[in-house]
């Protein structure tokens, strides 16, 4: 699904996750077969999202593989459909951050 966000989206398999990027990583996917779910870590500010137990979680203070501050747990087609808006937002925000001049990024200017 993430590769459908554009021809320029690249998929890179890592040891513990799969990274998706367009200029910069915008999502990392971990497969969890024991609970039949995917955990997607997206570059979305968790404070800007209404967190739902069992679906989204703030992982800023939790160590995990890959990139992103918002964990999205996908268990079925319905949760994948709900996650698609957040994943598109992650792609847009990561692309926008990468296109800003480096001097502005270093100062924290959005």
N, C-alpha and C. Protein backbone atom coordinates (compact mmCIF):
# COMPACT_ATOMS: atom_id res chain seq x y z
N UNK A 1 0.81 -1.18 0.00
CA UNK A 1 0.00 0.00 0.00
C UNK A 1 0.86 1.26 0.00
N UNK A 2 1.93 1.29 0.78
CA UNK A 2 2.75 2.49 0.87
C UNK A 2 3.46 2.79 -0.44
N UNK A 3 3.76 1.79 -1.22
CA UNK A 3 4.40 2.02 -2.51
C UNK A 3 3.43 2.68 -3.50
N UNK A 4 2.15 2.60 -3.23
CA UNK A 4 1.15 3.22 -4.10
C UNK A 4 1.07 4.73 -3.90
N UNK A 5 1.80 5.27 -2.94
CA UNK A 5 1.78 6.71 -2.68
C UNK A 5 2.57 7.50 -3.71
N UNK A 6 3.22 6.83 -4.65
CA UNK A 6 3.96 7.53 -5.69
C UNK A 6 5.05 6.66 -6.28
N UNK A 7 5.44 6.97 -7.50
CA UNK A 7 6.49 6.21 -8.17
C UNK A 7 7.85 6.43 -7.52
N UNK A 8 7.99 7.52 -6.79
CA UNK A 8 9.26 7.83 -6.16
C UNK A 8 9.42 7.26 -4.75
N UNK A 9 8.44 6.51 -4.27
CA UNK A 9 8.54 5.88 -2.95
C UNK A 9 9.43 4.65 -3.05
N UNK A 10 10.43 4.60 -2.19
CA UNK A 10 11.38 3.49 -2.20
C UNK A 10 11.15 2.60 -0.98
N UNK A 11 11.26 1.31 -1.17
CA UNK A 11 11.10 0.33 -0.10
C UNK A 11 12.46 -0.30 0.16
N UNK A 12 12.87 -0.31 1.44
CA UNK A 12 14.16 -0.87 1.82
C UNK A 12 13.96 -1.85 2.96
N UNK A 13 14.32 -3.11 2.75
CA UNK A 13 14.20 -4.12 3.80
C UNK A 13 15.40 -4.02 4.74
N UNK A 14 15.12 -3.91 6.00
CA UNK A 14 16.14 -3.90 7.05
C UNK A 14 16.02 -5.19 7.83
N UNK A 15 16.88 -5.37 8.83
CA UNK A 15 16.86 -6.61 9.59
C UNK A 15 15.56 -6.81 10.35
N UNK A 16 15.04 -5.76 10.98
CA UNK A 16 13.87 -5.89 11.83
C UNK A 16 12.63 -5.17 11.31
N UNK A 17 12.75 -4.45 10.22
CA UNK A 17 11.61 -3.70 9.70
C UNK A 17 11.83 -3.39 8.22
N UNK A 18 10.81 -2.86 7.60
CA UNK A 18 10.88 -2.40 6.21
C UNK A 18 10.65 -0.90 6.23
N UNK A 19 11.57 -0.15 5.62
CA UNK A 19 11.48 1.32 5.60
C UNK A 19 10.93 1.77 4.25
N UNK A 20 10.09 2.80 4.31
CA UNK A 20 9.56 3.44 3.10
C UNK A 20 9.99 4.89 3.14
N UNK A 21 10.50 5.36 2.00
CA UNK A 21 11.04 6.71 1.97
C UNK A 21 10.74 7.40 0.66
N UNK A 22 10.69 8.69 0.76
CA UNK A 22 10.67 9.61 -0.38
C UNK A 22 11.50 10.79 0.07
N UNK A 23 12.74 10.83 -0.32
CA UNK A 23 13.76 11.76 0.16
C UNK A 23 14.19 11.38 1.58
N UNK A 24 13.23 11.22 2.49
CA UNK A 24 13.51 10.80 3.87
C UNK A 24 12.50 9.69 4.23
N UNK A 25 12.88 8.88 5.21
CA UNK A 25 11.93 7.86 5.67
C UNK A 25 10.65 8.52 6.17
N UNK A 26 9.51 7.94 5.79
CA UNK A 26 8.26 8.45 6.32
C UNK A 26 7.47 7.37 7.04
N UNK A 27 7.86 6.11 6.89
CA UNK A 27 7.19 5.03 7.62
C UNK A 27 8.11 3.82 7.71
N UNK A 28 8.01 3.13 8.84
CA UNK A 28 8.73 1.88 9.04
C UNK A 28 7.71 0.85 9.49
N UNK A 29 7.77 -0.32 8.89
CA UNK A 29 6.77 -1.36 9.16
C UNK A 29 7.43 -2.57 9.79
N UNK A 30 6.90 -3.01 10.92
CA UNK A 30 7.32 -4.24 11.58
C UNK A 30 6.19 -5.25 11.45
N UNK A 31 6.53 -6.49 11.15
CA UNK A 31 5.55 -7.57 11.06
C UNK A 31 5.56 -8.32 12.39
N UNK A 32 4.38 -8.50 12.98
CA UNK A 32 4.24 -9.22 14.25
C UNK A 32 3.28 -10.39 14.05
N UNK A 33 3.81 -11.54 13.63
CA UNK A 33 2.94 -12.68 13.33
C UNK A 33 2.26 -13.28 14.56
N UNK A 34 2.85 -13.11 15.75
CA UNK A 34 2.25 -13.71 16.94
C UNK A 34 0.90 -13.09 17.30
N UNK A 35 0.68 -11.82 16.97
CA UNK A 35 -0.63 -11.22 17.22
C UNK A 35 -1.31 -10.77 15.92
N UNK A 36 -0.82 -11.29 14.79
CA UNK A 36 -1.43 -11.05 13.48
C UNK A 36 -1.60 -9.57 13.19
N UNK A 37 -0.51 -8.81 13.38
CA UNK A 37 -0.62 -7.37 13.14
C UNK A 37 0.65 -6.83 12.49
N UNK A 38 0.50 -5.64 11.93
CA UNK A 38 1.60 -4.84 11.45
C UNK A 38 1.69 -3.64 12.36
N UNK A 39 2.90 -3.24 12.70
CA UNK A 39 3.09 -2.00 13.44
C UNK A 39 3.82 -1.05 12.52
N UNK A 40 3.17 0.06 12.24
CA UNK A 40 3.74 1.07 11.35
C UNK A 40 4.11 2.27 12.20
N UNK A 41 5.36 2.68 12.08
CA UNK A 41 5.83 3.87 12.79
C UNK A 41 5.90 5.00 11.77
N UNK A 42 5.09 6.02 12.00
CA UNK A 42 4.94 7.11 11.05
C UNK A 42 5.50 8.42 11.62
N UNK A 43 5.99 9.26 10.72
CA UNK A 43 6.51 10.57 11.11
C UNK A 43 5.35 11.57 11.20
N UNK A 44 4.56 11.39 12.22
CA UNK A 44 3.44 12.29 12.51
C UNK A 44 3.56 12.66 13.98
N UNK A 45 3.35 13.92 14.30
CA UNK A 45 3.40 14.37 15.69
C UNK A 45 2.21 13.77 16.44
N UNK A 46 2.45 12.92 17.44
CA UNK A 46 1.35 12.30 18.18
C UNK A 46 0.44 13.31 18.88
N UNK A 47 0.95 14.49 19.20
CA UNK A 47 0.12 15.51 19.84
C UNK A 47 -0.94 16.06 18.90
N UNK A 48 -0.75 15.87 17.60
CA UNK A 48 -1.70 16.39 16.62
C UNK A 48 -2.76 15.37 16.23
N UNK A 49 -2.73 14.20 16.88
CA UNK A 49 -3.64 13.11 16.55
C UNK A 49 -4.39 12.68 17.81
N UNK A 50 -5.65 12.36 17.66
CA UNK A 50 -6.40 11.79 18.79
C UNK A 50 -6.01 10.31 18.88
N UNK A 51 -5.28 9.96 19.94
CA UNK A 51 -4.80 8.59 20.10
C UNK A 51 -5.94 7.67 20.49
N UNK A 52 -5.97 6.48 19.87
CA UNK A 52 -7.00 5.48 20.16
C UNK A 52 -6.30 4.23 20.67
N UNK A 53 -6.71 3.75 21.83
CA UNK A 53 -6.10 2.55 22.41
C UNK A 53 -6.23 1.37 21.45
N UNK A 54 -5.12 0.67 21.24
CA UNK A 54 -5.11 -0.48 20.35
C UNK A 54 -4.90 -0.14 18.89
N UNK A 55 -4.94 1.16 18.55
CA UNK A 55 -4.75 1.56 17.15
C UNK A 55 -3.56 2.50 17.00
N UNK A 56 -3.51 3.58 17.76
CA UNK A 56 -2.40 4.52 17.67
C UNK A 56 -1.78 4.70 19.06
N UNK A 57 -0.48 5.01 19.06
CA UNK A 57 0.24 5.17 20.32
C UNK A 57 1.41 6.12 20.12
N UNK A 58 1.66 6.95 21.12
CA UNK A 58 2.79 7.86 21.14
C UNK A 58 4.03 7.06 21.58
N UNK A 59 5.05 6.99 20.72
CA UNK A 59 6.25 6.21 21.04
C UNK A 59 7.49 7.11 21.11
N UNK A 60 7.29 8.39 21.40
CA UNK A 60 8.43 9.31 21.49
C UNK A 60 9.39 8.91 22.60
N UNK A 61 8.87 8.36 23.69
CA UNK A 61 9.72 8.01 24.83
C UNK A 61 9.97 6.51 24.92
N UNK A 62 9.61 5.78 23.86
CA UNK A 62 9.79 4.32 23.84
C UNK A 62 10.77 3.98 22.73
N UNK A 63 11.76 3.16 23.02
CA UNK A 63 12.69 2.74 21.99
C UNK A 63 12.03 1.77 21.02
N UNK A 64 12.33 1.93 19.73
CA UNK A 64 11.82 1.02 18.71
C UNK A 64 12.73 1.12 17.50
N UNK A 65 12.64 0.13 16.63
CA UNK A 65 13.42 0.14 15.40
C UNK A 65 12.78 1.10 14.42
N UNK A 66 13.61 1.71 13.59
CA UNK A 66 13.09 2.56 12.54
C UNK A 66 12.90 3.99 12.97
N UNK A 67 11.99 4.67 12.29
CA UNK A 67 11.76 6.09 12.49
C UNK A 67 10.30 6.36 12.77
N UNK A 68 10.01 7.49 13.31
CA UNK A 68 8.63 7.89 13.54
C UNK A 68 8.26 7.93 15.01
N UNK A 69 7.34 8.83 15.33
CA UNK A 69 6.90 9.03 16.70
C UNK A 69 5.50 8.49 16.97
N UNK A 70 4.80 8.08 15.92
CA UNK A 70 3.45 7.57 16.08
C UNK A 70 3.40 6.12 15.63
N UNK A 71 2.98 5.24 16.52
CA UNK A 71 2.80 3.82 16.16
C UNK A 71 1.35 3.60 15.76
N UNK A 72 1.16 2.95 14.62
CA UNK A 72 -0.17 2.61 14.14
C UNK A 72 -0.22 1.09 14.04
N UNK A 73 -1.16 0.48 14.71
CA UNK A 73 -1.29 -0.98 14.69
C UNK A 73 -2.38 -1.37 13.70
N UNK A 74 -2.00 -2.17 12.71
CA UNK A 74 -2.93 -2.59 11.66
C UNK A 74 -3.19 -4.08 11.82
N UNK A 75 -4.46 -4.42 12.02
CA UNK A 75 -4.86 -5.81 12.22
C UNK A 75 -5.78 -6.34 11.14
N UNK A 76 -6.46 -5.45 10.45
CA UNK A 76 -7.42 -5.87 9.43
C UNK A 76 -7.59 -4.76 8.40
N UNK A 77 -8.42 -5.02 7.42
CA UNK A 77 -8.63 -4.06 6.33
C UNK A 77 -9.21 -2.74 6.85
N UNK A 78 -10.09 -2.81 7.83
CA UNK A 78 -10.69 -1.59 8.38
C UNK A 78 -9.63 -0.70 9.04
N UNK A 79 -8.72 -1.30 9.80
CA UNK A 79 -7.68 -0.49 10.43
C UNK A 79 -6.69 0.03 9.39
N UNK A 80 -6.47 -0.70 8.31
CA UNK A 80 -5.63 -0.22 7.22
C UNK A 80 -6.26 1.00 6.56
N UNK A 81 -7.56 0.95 6.35
CA UNK A 81 -8.25 2.10 5.75
C UNK A 81 -8.17 3.32 6.67
N UNK A 82 -8.32 3.12 7.98
CA UNK A 82 -8.22 4.22 8.94
C UNK A 82 -6.80 4.79 8.97
N UNK A 83 -5.81 3.93 8.80
CA UNK A 83 -4.41 4.35 8.87
C UNK A 83 -3.96 5.10 7.62
N UNK A 84 -4.62 4.91 6.51
CA UNK A 84 -4.15 5.49 5.25
C UNK A 84 -4.03 7.01 5.31
N UNK A 85 -4.96 7.69 5.97
CA UNK A 85 -4.88 9.15 6.07
C UNK A 85 -3.64 9.58 6.87
N UNK A 86 -3.35 8.87 7.96
CA UNK A 86 -2.16 9.18 8.76
C UNK A 86 -0.88 8.91 7.98
N UNK A 87 -0.87 7.85 7.18
CA UNK A 87 0.31 7.51 6.41
C UNK A 87 0.56 8.52 5.29
N UNK A 88 -0.50 8.98 4.65
CA UNK A 88 -0.35 10.04 3.65
C UNK A 88 0.18 11.31 4.29
N UNK A 89 -0.31 11.62 5.46
CA UNK A 89 0.16 12.80 6.19
C UNK A 89 1.65 12.67 6.55
N UNK A 90 2.05 11.48 6.95
CA UNK A 90 3.45 11.22 7.27
C UNK A 90 4.33 11.44 6.05
N UNK A 91 3.89 10.97 4.91
CA UNK A 91 4.65 11.15 3.67
C UNK A 91 4.78 12.62 3.34
N UNK A 92 3.68 13.38 3.45
CA UNK A 92 3.72 14.82 3.15
C UNK A 92 4.66 15.55 4.11
N UNK A 93 4.55 15.27 5.40
CA UNK A 93 5.37 15.98 6.39
C UNK A 93 6.85 15.66 6.24
N UNK A 94 7.19 14.40 5.97
CA UNK A 94 8.59 14.02 5.79
C UNK A 94 9.16 14.67 4.53
N UNK A 95 8.37 14.73 3.48
CA UNK A 95 8.82 15.36 2.23
C UNK A 95 9.00 16.86 2.42
N UNK A 96 8.07 17.48 3.12
CA UNK A 96 8.15 18.92 3.37
C UNK A 96 9.39 19.24 4.21
N UNK A 97 9.68 18.43 5.23
CA UNK A 97 10.84 18.66 6.09
C UNK A 97 12.14 18.51 5.30
N UNK A 98 12.18 17.55 4.39
CA UNK A 98 13.40 17.32 3.61
C UNK A 98 13.64 18.43 2.58
N UNK A 99 12.58 19.10 2.16
CA UNK A 99 12.74 20.12 1.12
C UNK A 99 13.08 21.50 1.68
N UNK A 100 12.97 21.69 3.00
CA UNK A 100 13.35 22.97 3.61
C UNK A 100 14.86 23.12 3.60
N UNK A 101 15.37 24.34 3.50
CA UNK A 101 16.82 24.55 3.58
C UNK A 101 17.36 24.04 4.91
N UNK A 102 18.53 23.46 4.88
CA UNK A 102 19.12 22.86 6.08
C UNK A 102 19.26 23.86 7.22
N UNK A 103 19.58 25.10 6.92
CA UNK A 103 19.75 26.11 7.97
C UNK A 103 18.46 26.32 8.75
N UNK A 104 17.31 26.23 8.09
CA UNK A 104 16.03 26.38 8.78
C UNK A 104 15.70 25.14 9.59
N UNK A 105 16.02 23.95 9.08
CA UNK A 105 15.75 22.72 9.81
C UNK A 105 16.53 22.69 11.11
N UNK A 106 17.78 23.14 11.07
CA UNK A 106 18.63 23.10 12.26
C UNK A 106 18.12 24.04 13.36
N UNK A 107 17.43 25.10 12.97
CA UNK A 107 16.90 26.05 13.95
C UNK A 107 15.53 25.66 14.46
N UNK A 108 14.95 24.60 13.91
CA UNK A 108 13.63 24.16 14.34
C UNK A 108 12.50 24.97 13.75
N UNK A 109 12.76 25.69 12.68
CA UNK A 109 11.73 26.48 12.02
C UNK A 109 10.93 25.59 11.10
N UNK A 110 9.62 25.65 11.19
CA UNK A 110 8.76 24.83 10.36
C UNK A 110 8.33 25.63 9.19
